[in-house]
Amino acid sequence: MTGIDFTVYKGSPNGKIVKGSTHKDLKPDEVLLRITHAGLCGTDLHYKDQDMGLSHEGVGVVEKIGSEVTFFKVGDRAGWGYLHNACLHCDQCLSGNEIFCPKRAMYGEADLDQGAFATHAVWREAFLFHIPDAISSADAAPLMCAGATVFNALALHGVRPVDRVGVVGIGGLGHLGIQFAAKMGCDVVVFSSTNSKRDEAMTLGAKEFYATKGAKELDIGRPVNYLMVTTSASPDWNLYLPIIAPMGTIVPLTVTEGDFSIPHMGLVGKGLRVQGSICPSRGLHVEMLRFAALHAIKPVIQKFPLTLEGIQEAIDKLEKGQIRYRGVLVAPGA
């Protein structure tokens, strides 16, 4: 099958976005997508000074399929997230946990010549996802990472409808975490630095809201069974450990450098669990999309043109904390 050259927007050593290109020959099990929408994630900021295609929240329309592709046809909408490939034969893959495959191909580590900030993409059919009709392509893009990440944190680690779930931070992850937890039937308690987002948190599904700036302690009545931390930096654990129920779970979704530090006795004295969590494997990713479609869960987005200037503007605004709450780049004519 004839190869294709397409435009890719990449990072550079000075952190500015540059226009590049790549060439792909379509393999029998691969799909060529024309990208229509791409999400901007905080993780992208970690790679904007690297010579690589940016964005891992891609949605597009199938333009060509390889000879062995059976699950997609030309004209279908499809998306992809952080995971690009896996061996499908190791213990992790065979147990449905291919996100932990030792040979996994992930954003920032593999396939650096392409990303969702591009005109097209070529991916293995097995790692693409059909977009439900009830979800627009613009809304689907942030679900590919942000939505999938918070859904995975809730669904994979035993959250039950009877649980009281705390969400720290109302941003790109937090505003989706509130919605997913609420629609799962949980009693959602939100923590944010100030009261400025109280009304929005309640509209998204929170039952209680607490402003934490300057607080020495929190009085929330019944403690939370589960605390999902979505802020860009780790919180003051001395403030939060007292409000977590014994044998409760902390899931820190913060992506940051350095060590994770938490008061030792506060952790062991209550039998708490700190649960590492990342993007989901494919099965949970599909469940997330079905759940979001069924319950009309949508990200709050700001749109920008999928152009060199549009990408740079979106990144600049994200760095300044001016995105509410996910940036979505829209291809010309989409």
Protein backbone atom coordinates (compact mmCIF):
# COMPACT_ATOMS: atom_id res chain seq x y z
CA MET A 1 0.00 0.00 0.00
CA THR A 2 1.29 3.44 -0.87
CA GLY A 3 2.91 5.36 1.96
CA ILE A 4 1.86 8.77 3.18
CA ASP A 5 3.70 11.89 4.25
CA PHE A 6 1.93 14.14 6.73
CA THR A 7 2.49 17.17 8.93
CA VAL A 8 3.42 16.76 12.59
CA TYR A 9 3.74 19.55 15.16
CA LYS A 10 6.66 18.90 17.46
CA GLY A 11 8.48 20.26 20.46
CA SER A 12 11.93 21.82 20.22
CA PRO A 13 14.88 22.51 22.56
CA ASN A 14 13.68 26.06 23.26
CA GLY A 15 10.15 24.90 24.06
CA LYS A 16 8.57 26.45 20.97
CA ILE A 17 6.33 24.37 18.73
CA VAL A 18 7.72 23.66 15.27
CA LYS A 19 6.20 22.20 12.13
CA GLY A 20 7.68 18.94 10.87
CA SER A 21 6.70 15.90 8.86
CA THR A 22 6.94 12.14 8.88
CA HIS A 23 6.41 9.25 6.48
CA LYS A 24 4.42 6.09 7.18
CA ASP A 25 3.88 2.93 5.18
CA LEU A 26 0.59 1.37 6.23
CA LYS A 27 1.10 -2.14 7.64
CA PRO A 28 -1.61 -4.82 7.27
CA ASP A 29 -2.90 -4.33 10.84
CA GLU A 30 -2.73 -0.52 10.86
CA VAL A 31 -5.20 2.30 10.28
CA LEU A 32 -4.63 5.74 8.75
CA LEU A 33 -6.58 8.50 10.47
CA ARG A 34 -7.20 12.08 9.38
CA ILE A 35 -7.00 13.92 12.68
CA THR A 36 -9.92 16.24 13.42
CA HIS A 37 -9.45 16.93 17.15
CA ALA A 38 -6.55 16.71 19.58
CA GLY A 39 -6.51 17.30 23.32
CA LEU A 40 -3.85 19.24 25.19
CA CYS A 41 -2.75 17.59 28.42
CA GLY A 42 -0.51 18.83 31.21
CA THR A 43 1.80 15.93 30.38
CA ASP A 44 2.49 17.54 27.00
CA LEU A 45 4.25 20.37 28.80
CA HIS A 46 6.87 17.88 30.00
CA TYR A 47 7.78 17.11 26.39
CA LYS A 48 7.52 20.46 24.63
CA ASP A 49 11.31 20.83 24.68
CA GLN A 50 11.79 17.43 23.02
CA ASP A 51 12.08 16.67 19.30
CA MET A 52 8.88 14.63 19.16
CA GLY A 53 5.29 14.80 17.99
CA LEU A 54 3.07 16.18 20.74
CA SER A 55 -0.37 15.23 22.13
CA HIS A 56 -1.73 11.81 23.00
CA GLU A 57 -5.45 12.63 22.96
CA GLY A 58 -6.26 12.08 19.31
CA VAL A 59 -9.56 11.70 17.49
CA GLY A 60 -10.04 11.46 13.76
CA VAL A 61 -11.72 9.80 10.81
CA VAL A 62 -10.46 6.59 9.22
CA GLU A 63 -9.12 7.24 5.71
CA LYS A 64 -7.38 3.95 4.92
CA ILE A 65 -7.13 0.52 6.49
CA GLY A 66 -4.56 -2.25 6.19
CA SER A 67 -5.42 -5.57 4.56
CA GLU A 68 -5.89 -7.35 7.91
CA VAL A 69 -8.01 -4.67 9.60
CA THR A 70 -11.51 -5.95 10.44
CA PHE A 71 -12.76 -3.73 13.27
CA PHE A 72 -12.65 -0.38 11.47
CA LYS A 73 -13.85 0.81 8.09
CA VAL A 74 -13.23 3.99 6.13
CA GLY A 75 -15.31 6.84 7.54
CA ASP A 76 -15.41 5.56 11.14
CA ARG A 77 -14.44 7.89 13.97
CA ALA A 78 -11.64 6.59 16.13
CA GLY A 79 -9.40 7.80 18.91
CA TRP A 80 -6.31 6.77 20.83
CA GLY A 81 -4.60 7.58 24.08
CA TYR A 82 -1.31 7.14 25.94
CA LEU A 83 -0.71 3.50 24.97
CA HIS A 84 0.24 2.81 21.36
CA ASN A 85 1.22 -0.84 21.38
CA ALA A 86 2.04 -3.90 23.49
CA CYS A 87 3.24 -7.44 22.89
CA LEU A 88 -0.19 -9.02 23.65
CA HIS A 89 1.55 -12.24 24.78
CA CYS A 90 3.09 -11.56 28.21
CA ASP A 91 1.40 -12.23 31.55
CA GLN A 92 0.24 -8.61 31.82
CA CYS A 93 -1.26 -8.52 28.34
CA LEU A 94 -2.97 -11.90 28.74
CA SER A 95 -4.57 -10.73 31.98
CA GLY A 96 -5.96 -7.58 30.37
CA ASN A 97 -3.32 -5.29 31.87
CA GLU A 98 -1.36 -4.43 28.75
CA ILE A 99 -0.71 -0.92 30.09
CA PHE A 100 1.94 -2.67 32.22
CA CYS A 101 3.42 -4.74 29.38
CA PRO A 102 7.25 -4.64 29.64
CA LYS A 103 7.37 -4.00 25.89
CA ARG A 104 4.64 -1.36 25.88
CA ALA A 105 4.90 1.59 23.49
CA MET A 106 3.74 4.78 25.17
CA TYR A 107 3.62 8.49 24.51
CA GLY A 108 6.95 10.14 25.20
CA GLU A 109 8.83 6.84 24.97
CA ALA A 110 7.99 5.42 21.53
CA ASP A 111 6.68 6.51 18.12
CA LEU A 112 8.18 9.94 18.66
CA ASP A 113 7.69 10.88 15.01
CA GLN A 114 3.93 11.32 15.40
CA GLY A 115 1.28 12.54 17.80
CA ALA A 116 -2.23 14.00 17.81
CA PHE A 117 -0.94 17.47 16.92
CA ALA A 118 -0.74 16.51 13.26
CA THR A 119 -2.78 16.19 10.12
CA HIS A 120 -2.79 12.38 10.21
CA ALA A 121 -1.70 9.41 12.29
CA VAL A 122 -1.07 5.72 11.67
CA TRP A 123 -1.72 3.31 14.52
CA ARG A 124 -2.23 -0.39 15.08
CA GLU A 125 -5.92 -1.27 14.88
CA ALA A 126 -5.84 -3.04 18.24
CA PHE A 127 -4.98 0.20 20.06
CA LEU A 128 -7.66 2.41 18.53
CA PHE A 129 -11.12 2.99 19.98
CA HIS A 130 -14.46 3.59 18.31
CA ILE A 131 -16.07 6.85 19.43
CA PRO A 132 -19.70 6.33 20.54
CA ASP A 133 -22.28 8.30 18.55
CA ALA A 134 -23.39 10.10 21.72
CA ILE A 135 -19.96 11.70 22.18
CA SER A 136 -18.77 14.50 19.91
CA SER A 137 -15.22 14.34 18.60
CA ALA A 138 -14.32 17.54 20.48
CA ASP A 139 -15.54 16.02 23.76
CA ALA A 140 -13.96 12.65 22.98
CA ALA A 141 -10.41 14.02 22.69
CA PRO A 142 -9.91 14.82 26.42
CA LEU A 143 -11.55 11.52 27.35
CA MET A 144 -8.70 9.69 25.60
CA CYS A 145 -6.35 10.57 28.49
CA ALA A 146 -7.95 12.71 31.20
CA GLY A 147 -11.25 10.87 31.24
CA ALA A 148 -9.58 7.49 30.89
CA THR A 149 -7.13 8.25 33.70
CA VAL A 150 -9.73 9.19 36.31
CA PHE A 151 -12.08 6.38 35.26
CA ASN A 152 -9.23 3.91 35.61
CA ALA A 153 -8.39 5.25 39.08
CA LEU A 154 -11.99 4.71 40.18
CA ALA A 155 -12.96 1.51 38.35
CA LEU A 156 -9.75 -0.51 38.64
CA HIS A 157 -9.15 -0.02 42.34
CA GLY A 158 -12.43 -1.08 43.89
CA VAL A 159 -14.49 2.08 44.33
CA ARG A 160 -18.10 1.17 45.18
CA PRO A 161 -21.33 3.18 44.88
CA VAL A 162 -21.57 3.30 48.68
CA ASP A 163 -18.14 4.93 49.02
CA ARG A 164 -17.46 8.51 49.98
CA VAL A 165 -14.95 9.77 47.40
CA GLY A 166 -12.78 12.84 47.86
CA VAL A 167 -11.46 14.74 44.84
CA VAL A 168 -8.61 17.17 45.44
CA GLY A 169 -8.50 19.86 42.74
CA ILE A 170 -10.95 20.98 40.06
CA GLY A 171 -8.93 21.10 36.86
CA GLY A 172 -8.39 19.00 33.76
CA LEU A 173 -8.58 15.72 35.70
CA GLY A 174 -10.60 16.78 38.73
CA HIS A 175 -13.65 18.12 36.90
CA LEU A 176 -13.97 14.77 35.11
CA GLY A 177 -13.25 12.78 38.26
CA ILE A 178 -16.18 14.50 39.98
CA GLN A 179 -18.52 13.56 37.16
CA PHE A 180 -17.44 9.93 36.88
CA ALA A 181 -17.55 9.33 40.65
CA ALA A 182 -20.96 10.99 40.96
CA LYS A 183 -22.43 8.95 38.11
CA MET A 184 -21.02 5.80 39.72
CA GLY A 185 -23.28 6.61 42.65
CA CYS A 186 -20.58 7.81 45.03
CA ASP A 187 -20.90 10.54 47.64
CA VAL A 188 -18.42 13.03 46.16
CA VAL A 189 -16.55 15.50 48.38
CA VAL A 190 -14.47 18.15 46.61
CA PHE A 191 -11.48 20.07 47.96
CA SER A 192 -10.16 23.20 46.27
CA SER A 193 -7.97 26.06 47.43
CA THR A 194 -10.72 28.70 47.35
CA ASN A 195 -14.51 28.90 47.08
CA SER A 196 -14.38 30.21 43.50
CA LYS A 197 -15.32 26.83 41.98
CA ARG A 198 -17.87 25.75 44.60
CA ASP A 199 -20.97 26.22 42.44
CA GLU A 200 -19.35 24.50 39.46
CA ALA A 201 -18.25 21.54 41.58
CA MET A 202 -21.78 21.08 42.85
CA THR A 203 -23.18 21.31 39.33
CA LEU A 204 -20.73 18.62 38.20
CA GLY A 205 -22.00 16.27 40.88
CA ALA A 206 -20.29 17.04 44.18
CA LYS A 207 -22.34 16.75 47.39
CA GLU A 208 -19.91 18.76 49.54
CA PHE A 209 -17.19 21.33 48.92
CA TYR A 210 -14.36 22.53 51.17
CA ALA A 211 -11.94 25.42 50.58
CA THR A 212 -8.48 24.51 51.91
CA LYS A 213 -6.37 27.65 51.55
CA GLY A 214 -5.03 28.61 54.97
CA ALA A 215 -6.80 25.73 56.68
CA LYS A 216 -5.04 23.99 59.57
CA GLU A 217 -7.54 21.17 59.71
CA LEU A 218 -10.60 19.97 57.81
CA ASP A 219 -13.91 19.07 59.42
CA ILE A 220 -15.96 17.08 56.91
CA GLY A 221 -17.99 14.82 59.18
CA ARG A 222 -17.81 11.25 57.91
CA PRO A 223 -14.33 10.59 56.44
CA VAL A 224 -13.74 9.66 52.82
CA ASN A 225 -12.98 6.08 51.83
CA TYR A 226 -11.09 7.15 48.77
CA LEU A 227 -9.06 10.26 47.96
CA MET A 228 -8.16 11.07 44.36
CA VAL A 229 -5.50 13.81 44.09
CA THR A 230 -5.61 15.64 40.75
CA THR A 231 -3.60 18.77 41.55
CA SER A 232 -0.35 19.61 39.78
CA ALA A 233 1.59 19.30 43.05
CA SER A 234 1.20 17.02 46.05
CA PRO A 235 -1.04 18.44 48.79
CA ASP A 236 -0.30 18.90 52.48
CA TRP A 237 -0.79 15.33 53.64
CA ASN A 238 -1.05 16.43 57.27
CA LEU A 239 -4.26 18.19 56.26
CA TYR A 240 -5.77 15.22 54.42
CA LEU A 241 -4.72 12.08 56.28
CA PRO A 242 -7.04 12.80 59.26
CA ILE A 243 -10.11 12.86 56.97
CA ILE A 244 -9.45 9.50 55.31
CA ALA A 245 -11.25 6.51 56.78
CA PRO A 246 -9.20 3.62 58.18
CA MET A 247 -8.09 1.27 55.39
CA GLY A 248 -8.89 4.03 52.90
CA THR A 249 -7.14 4.51 49.58
CA ILE A 250 -5.16 7.46 48.24
CA VAL A 251 -4.65 7.69 44.48
CA PRO A 252 -2.16 10.45 43.61
CA LEU A 253 -2.58 11.31 39.93
CA THR A 254 -0.10 14.19 40.10
CA VAL A 255 2.68 13.93 37.50
CA THR A 256 5.79 15.48 38.97
CA GLU A 257 9.49 14.91 39.45
CA GLY A 258 11.07 13.91 42.73
CA ASP A 259 10.07 11.51 45.48
CA PHE A 260 6.64 10.86 46.93
CA SER A 261 6.65 11.86 50.59
CA ILE A 262 3.92 11.17 53.15
CA PRO A 263 3.84 11.07 56.98
CA HIS A 264 4.82 7.54 57.92
CA MET A 265 2.72 7.08 61.06
CA GLY A 266 -0.33 8.70 59.51
CA LEU A 267 -0.16 6.07 56.79
CA VAL A 268 0.52 2.92 58.81
CA GLY A 269 -1.57 3.91 61.84
CA LYS A 270 -4.80 3.86 59.80
CA GLY A 271 -3.82 1.08 57.43
CA LEU A 272 -4.06 3.39 54.42
CA ARG A 273 -3.10 2.36 50.91
CA VAL A 274 -1.34 4.62 48.39
CA GLN A 275 -2.34 3.28 44.99
CA GLY A 276 -0.30 4.12 41.92
CA SER A 277 -2.47 4.56 38.85
CA ILE A 278 -1.94 5.43 35.20
CA CYS A 279 -4.00 5.36 32.02
CA PRO A 280 -6.17 2.26 31.58
CA SER A 281 -5.65 -0.84 29.53
CA ARG A 282 -7.92 -1.24 26.53
CA GLY A 283 -10.83 -2.99 28.22
CA LEU A 284 -11.38 -0.24 30.77
CA HIS A 285 -10.82 2.42 28.11
CA VAL A 286 -13.75 0.99 26.15
CA GLU A 287 -15.86 0.82 29.32
CA MET A 288 -15.01 4.46 30.05
CA LEU A 289 -16.29 5.56 26.64
CA ARG A 290 -19.50 3.55 27.06
CA PHE A 291 -20.04 4.93 30.56
CA ALA A 292 -19.41 8.52 29.43
CA ALA A 293 -21.83 8.10 26.52
CA LEU A 294 -24.53 6.55 28.73
CA HIS A 295 -24.30 9.22 31.43
CA ALA A 296 -23.57 12.24 29.19
CA ILE A 297 -20.22 12.93 30.88
CA LYS A 298 -18.47 15.73 29.04
CA PRO A 299 -15.26 17.66 29.61
CA VAL A 300 -15.35 21.43 29.91
CA ILE A 301 -13.27 22.53 26.94
CA GLN A 302 -11.71 25.52 25.20
CA LYS A 303 -11.16 25.19 21.48
CA PHE A 304 -8.15 26.35 19.47
CA PRO A 305 -7.25 25.85 15.80
CA LEU A 306 -5.01 22.87 15.09
CA THR A 307 -2.33 25.07 13.56
CA LEU A 308 1.17 26.07 14.62
CA GLU A 309 -0.16 29.32 16.09
CA GLY A 310 -3.16 27.67 17.71
CA ILE A 311 -1.07 25.01 19.43
CA GLN A 312 1.38 27.59 20.74
CA GLU A 313 -1.45 29.75 22.08
CA ALA A 314 -3.07 26.80 23.84
CA ILE A 315 0.22 25.74 25.43
CA ASP A 316 0.95 29.28 26.58
CA LYS A 317 -2.47 29.52 28.20
CA LEU A 318 -2.11 26.13 29.86
CA GLU A 319 1.23 27.16 31.35
CA LYS A 320 -0.41 30.29 32.76
CA GLY A 321 -3.33 28.34 34.21
CA GLN A 322 -5.80 29.97 31.85
CA ILE A 323 -7.39 26.84 30.35
CA ARG A 324 -10.82 25.83 31.64
CA TYR A 325 -10.42 22.89 31.87
CA ARG A 326 -9.10 21.07 28.78
CA GLY A 327 -7.74 22.58 25.59
CA VAL A 328 -8.93 20.94 22.35
CA LEU A 329 -7.25 21.68 19.04
CA VAL A 330 -9.64 21.52 16.06
CA ALA A 331 -8.36 20.83 12.55
CA PRO A 332 -9.30 23.34 9.85
CA GLY A 333 -12.60 22.30 8.28
CA ALA A 334 -13.45 19.79 11.03
